[in-house]
Amino acid sequence: MPGLVSGGWPTSLALGVLGALLGGRLDPALLGVGLGTFFEPQTWLLAVIGAGVLVLVYRAVKGRRPTTRR
C-alpha cells in the first residue's frame, strides 16, 4: 500500500483525514470499541485502519496506473 498516490500530496492528505474520520465513525458502530481520548492507542489505531481502508478503496476505484515523480 505505501507509495505515490496518483493525486499527489493533496489526495494523500484528503484520504488520510477522511479515512481517520471513517474509522472513528464506523468501527465503534461495528465492533463496539468506542473512541477514547486523543492519546489513547485505540483512537490512533481506528484512524490508521480507517485511512488504510479508504486508500484501498481509492486504489480499487481509480486503478493502479503508474505514477512518475516530477
N, C-alpha and C. Protein backbone atom coordinates (compact mmCIF):
# COMPACT_ATOMS: atom_id res chain seq x y z
N MET A 1 0.80 -1.19 0.00
CA MET A 1 0.00 0.00 0.00
C MET A 1 0.84 1.26 0.00
N PRO A 2 2.03 1.31 0.59
CA PRO A 2 2.80 2.54 0.55
C PRO A 2 3.23 2.91 -0.87
N GLY A 3 3.41 4.18 -1.09
CA GLY A 3 3.86 4.63 -2.40
C GLY A 3 3.14 5.90 -2.79
N LEU A 4 3.38 6.29 -4.01
CA LEU A 4 2.77 7.52 -4.52
C LEU A 4 1.30 7.31 -4.81
N VAL A 5 0.50 8.30 -4.48
CA VAL A 5 -0.91 8.32 -4.83
C VAL A 5 -1.03 9.19 -6.06
N SER A 6 -1.88 8.81 -7.00
CA SER A 6 -1.92 9.50 -8.28
C SER A 6 -2.29 10.97 -8.17
N GLY A 7 -2.91 11.40 -7.11
CA GLY A 7 -3.28 12.79 -6.99
C GLY A 7 -2.27 13.65 -6.26
N GLY A 8 -1.16 13.06 -5.83
CA GLY A 8 -0.14 13.82 -5.11
C GLY A 8 -0.47 13.99 -3.64
N TRP A 9 0.22 14.95 -3.02
CA TRP A 9 0.04 15.12 -1.58
C TRP A 9 -1.35 15.60 -1.19
N PRO A 10 -2.06 16.42 -1.99
CA PRO A 10 -3.41 16.80 -1.57
C PRO A 10 -4.36 15.60 -1.47
N THR A 11 -4.21 14.66 -2.41
CA THR A 11 -5.04 13.47 -2.37
C THR A 11 -4.68 12.60 -1.18
N SER A 12 -3.39 12.46 -0.91
CA SER A 12 -2.94 11.69 0.25
C SER A 12 -3.46 12.30 1.55
N LEU A 13 -3.40 13.61 1.65
CA LEU A 13 -3.89 14.29 2.83
C LEU A 13 -5.40 14.08 3.01
N ALA A 14 -6.14 14.25 1.93
CA ALA A 14 -7.60 14.08 1.99
C ALA A 14 -7.97 12.64 2.35
N LEU A 15 -7.27 11.67 1.76
CA LEU A 15 -7.57 10.27 2.07
C LEU A 15 -7.24 9.95 3.53
N GLY A 16 -6.17 10.51 4.05
CA GLY A 16 -5.82 10.28 5.45
C GLY A 16 -6.84 10.87 6.41
N VAL A 17 -7.23 12.10 6.18
CA VAL A 17 -8.19 12.76 7.07
C VAL A 17 -9.55 12.09 6.98
N LEU A 18 -10.03 11.88 5.76
CA LEU A 18 -11.35 11.24 5.61
C LEU A 18 -11.34 9.80 6.12
N GLY A 19 -10.24 9.11 5.92
CA GLY A 19 -10.13 7.75 6.43
C GLY A 19 -10.14 7.70 7.95
N ALA A 20 -9.48 8.66 8.58
CA ALA A 20 -9.50 8.73 10.04
C ALA A 20 -10.90 9.00 10.56
N LEU A 21 -11.61 9.88 9.89
CA LEU A 21 -13.00 10.14 10.27
C LEU A 21 -13.87 8.90 10.05
N LEU A 22 -13.64 8.22 8.95
CA LEU A 22 -14.39 7.00 8.66
C LEU A 22 -14.13 5.95 9.74
N GLY A 23 -12.88 5.74 10.09
CA GLY A 23 -12.55 4.78 11.13
C GLY A 23 -13.15 5.15 12.47
N GLY A 24 -13.16 6.42 12.77
CA GLY A 24 -13.74 6.88 14.03
C GLY A 24 -15.24 6.71 14.10
N ARG A 25 -15.90 6.73 12.95
CA ARG A 25 -17.36 6.57 12.90
C ARG A 25 -17.82 5.13 12.79
N LEU A 26 -17.17 4.37 11.92
CA LEU A 26 -17.65 3.03 11.62
C LEU A 26 -17.24 1.97 12.63
N ASP A 27 -16.01 2.01 13.08
CA ASP A 27 -15.54 0.93 13.94
C ASP A 27 -16.31 0.84 15.26
N PRO A 28 -16.58 1.93 15.96
CA PRO A 28 -17.38 1.79 17.18
C PRO A 28 -18.78 1.23 16.89
N ALA A 29 -19.34 1.57 15.74
CA ALA A 29 -20.67 1.06 15.39
C ALA A 29 -20.62 -0.43 15.07
N LEU A 30 -19.54 -0.88 14.44
CA LEU A 30 -19.44 -2.28 14.03
C LEU A 30 -18.89 -3.18 15.13
N LEU A 31 -17.86 -2.73 15.82
CA LEU A 31 -17.20 -3.57 16.82
C LEU A 31 -17.49 -3.17 18.25
N GLY A 32 -18.09 -2.02 18.45
CA GLY A 32 -18.40 -1.57 19.79
C GLY A 32 -17.18 -1.18 20.61
N VAL A 33 -16.09 -0.81 19.95
CA VAL A 33 -14.86 -0.46 20.65
C VAL A 33 -14.99 0.91 21.29
N GLY A 34 -15.44 1.87 20.54
CA GLY A 34 -15.56 3.22 21.04
C GLY A 34 -14.25 3.98 21.02
N LEU A 35 -14.36 5.27 20.82
CA LEU A 35 -13.17 6.12 20.80
C LEU A 35 -12.83 6.56 22.20
N GLY A 36 -11.56 6.71 22.43
CA GLY A 36 -11.09 7.23 23.71
C GLY A 36 -10.68 8.68 23.52
N THR A 37 -9.76 9.10 24.36
CA THR A 37 -9.22 10.44 24.21
C THR A 37 -8.19 10.44 23.09
N PHE A 38 -7.66 11.59 22.80
CA PHE A 38 -6.74 11.75 21.67
C PHE A 38 -5.50 10.88 21.80
N PHE A 39 -5.01 10.67 23.00
CA PHE A 39 -3.74 9.97 23.18
C PHE A 39 -3.90 8.48 23.45
N GLU A 40 -5.09 7.95 23.40
CA GLU A 40 -5.28 6.52 23.62
C GLU A 40 -4.96 5.73 22.36
N PRO A 41 -4.33 4.57 22.50
CA PRO A 41 -3.92 3.78 21.33
C PRO A 41 -5.08 3.37 20.43
N GLN A 42 -6.24 3.04 21.00
CA GLN A 42 -7.34 2.60 20.13
C GLN A 42 -7.84 3.72 19.22
N THR A 43 -7.74 4.96 19.66
CA THR A 43 -8.13 6.08 18.81
C THR A 43 -7.22 6.16 17.59
N TRP A 44 -5.92 6.05 17.81
CA TRP A 44 -4.96 6.10 16.70
C TRP A 44 -5.10 4.88 15.80
N LEU A 45 -5.32 3.72 16.39
CA LEU A 45 -5.46 2.50 15.61
C LEU A 45 -6.69 2.56 14.71
N LEU A 46 -7.80 3.06 15.23
CA LEU A 46 -9.01 3.21 14.41
C LEU A 46 -8.78 4.18 13.26
N ALA A 47 -8.06 5.26 13.52
CA ALA A 47 -7.78 6.24 12.47
C ALA A 47 -6.91 5.65 11.37
N VAL A 48 -5.88 4.90 11.76
CA VAL A 48 -4.98 4.29 10.77
C VAL A 48 -5.70 3.23 9.96
N ILE A 49 -6.50 2.41 10.61
CA ILE A 49 -7.26 1.37 9.89
C ILE A 49 -8.26 2.01 8.94
N GLY A 50 -8.96 3.04 9.37
CA GLY A 50 -9.92 3.73 8.50
C GLY A 50 -9.24 4.35 7.29
N ALA A 51 -8.08 4.95 7.51
CA ALA A 51 -7.34 5.55 6.39
C ALA A 51 -6.85 4.47 5.43
N GLY A 52 -6.38 3.35 5.96
CA GLY A 52 -5.93 2.25 5.11
C GLY A 52 -7.05 1.68 4.26
N VAL A 53 -8.22 1.52 4.86
CA VAL A 53 -9.37 1.02 4.11
C VAL A 53 -9.75 1.99 3.00
N LEU A 54 -9.76 3.27 3.30
CA LEU A 54 -10.11 4.26 2.29
C LEU A 54 -9.09 4.31 1.16
N VAL A 55 -7.82 4.15 1.46
CA VAL A 55 -6.79 4.11 0.42
C VAL A 55 -6.98 2.89 -0.47
N LEU A 56 -7.30 1.75 0.12
CA LEU A 56 -7.55 0.54 -0.68
C LEU A 56 -8.75 0.73 -1.60
N VAL A 57 -9.80 1.33 -1.09
CA VAL A 57 -10.99 1.60 -1.92
C VAL A 57 -10.65 2.58 -3.04
N TYR A 58 -9.88 3.62 -2.71
CA TYR A 58 -9.48 4.62 -3.71
C TYR A 58 -8.69 3.96 -4.83
N ARG A 59 -7.74 3.11 -4.45
CA ARG A 59 -6.92 2.45 -5.48
C ARG A 59 -7.74 1.47 -6.31
N ALA A 60 -8.72 0.81 -5.70
CA ALA A 60 -9.57 -0.11 -6.45
C ALA A 60 -10.43 0.64 -7.46
N VAL A 61 -10.93 1.80 -7.06
CA VAL A 61 -11.78 2.59 -7.95
C VAL A 61 -10.94 3.30 -9.01
N LYS A 62 -9.86 3.90 -8.60
CA LYS A 62 -9.02 4.69 -9.50
C LYS A 62 -8.17 3.83 -10.43
N GLY A 63 -7.80 2.66 -9.95
CA GLY A 63 -6.93 1.81 -10.74
C GLY A 63 -5.48 2.05 -10.39
N ARG A 64 -4.63 1.13 -10.73
CA ARG A 64 -3.21 1.25 -10.41
C ARG A 64 -2.44 1.67 -11.63
N ARG A 65 -2.51 2.92 -11.96
CA ARG A 65 -1.71 3.47 -13.05
C ARG A 65 -0.35 3.86 -12.53
N PRO A 66 0.67 3.64 -13.32
CA PRO A 66 1.99 4.06 -12.85
C PRO A 66 2.08 5.58 -12.70
N THR A 67 2.71 6.00 -11.64
CA THR A 67 2.90 7.44 -11.43
C THR A 67 4.36 7.77 -11.59
N THR A 68 4.63 8.99 -11.94
CA THR A 68 6.01 9.42 -12.12
C THR A 68 6.28 10.59 -11.18
N ARG A 69 7.50 10.66 -10.73
CA ARG A 69 7.91 11.80 -9.91
C ARG A 69 8.33 12.96 -10.81
N ARG A 70 8.03 14.14 -10.37
CA ARG A 70 8.40 15.31 -11.15
C ARG A 70 9.54 16.03 -10.50
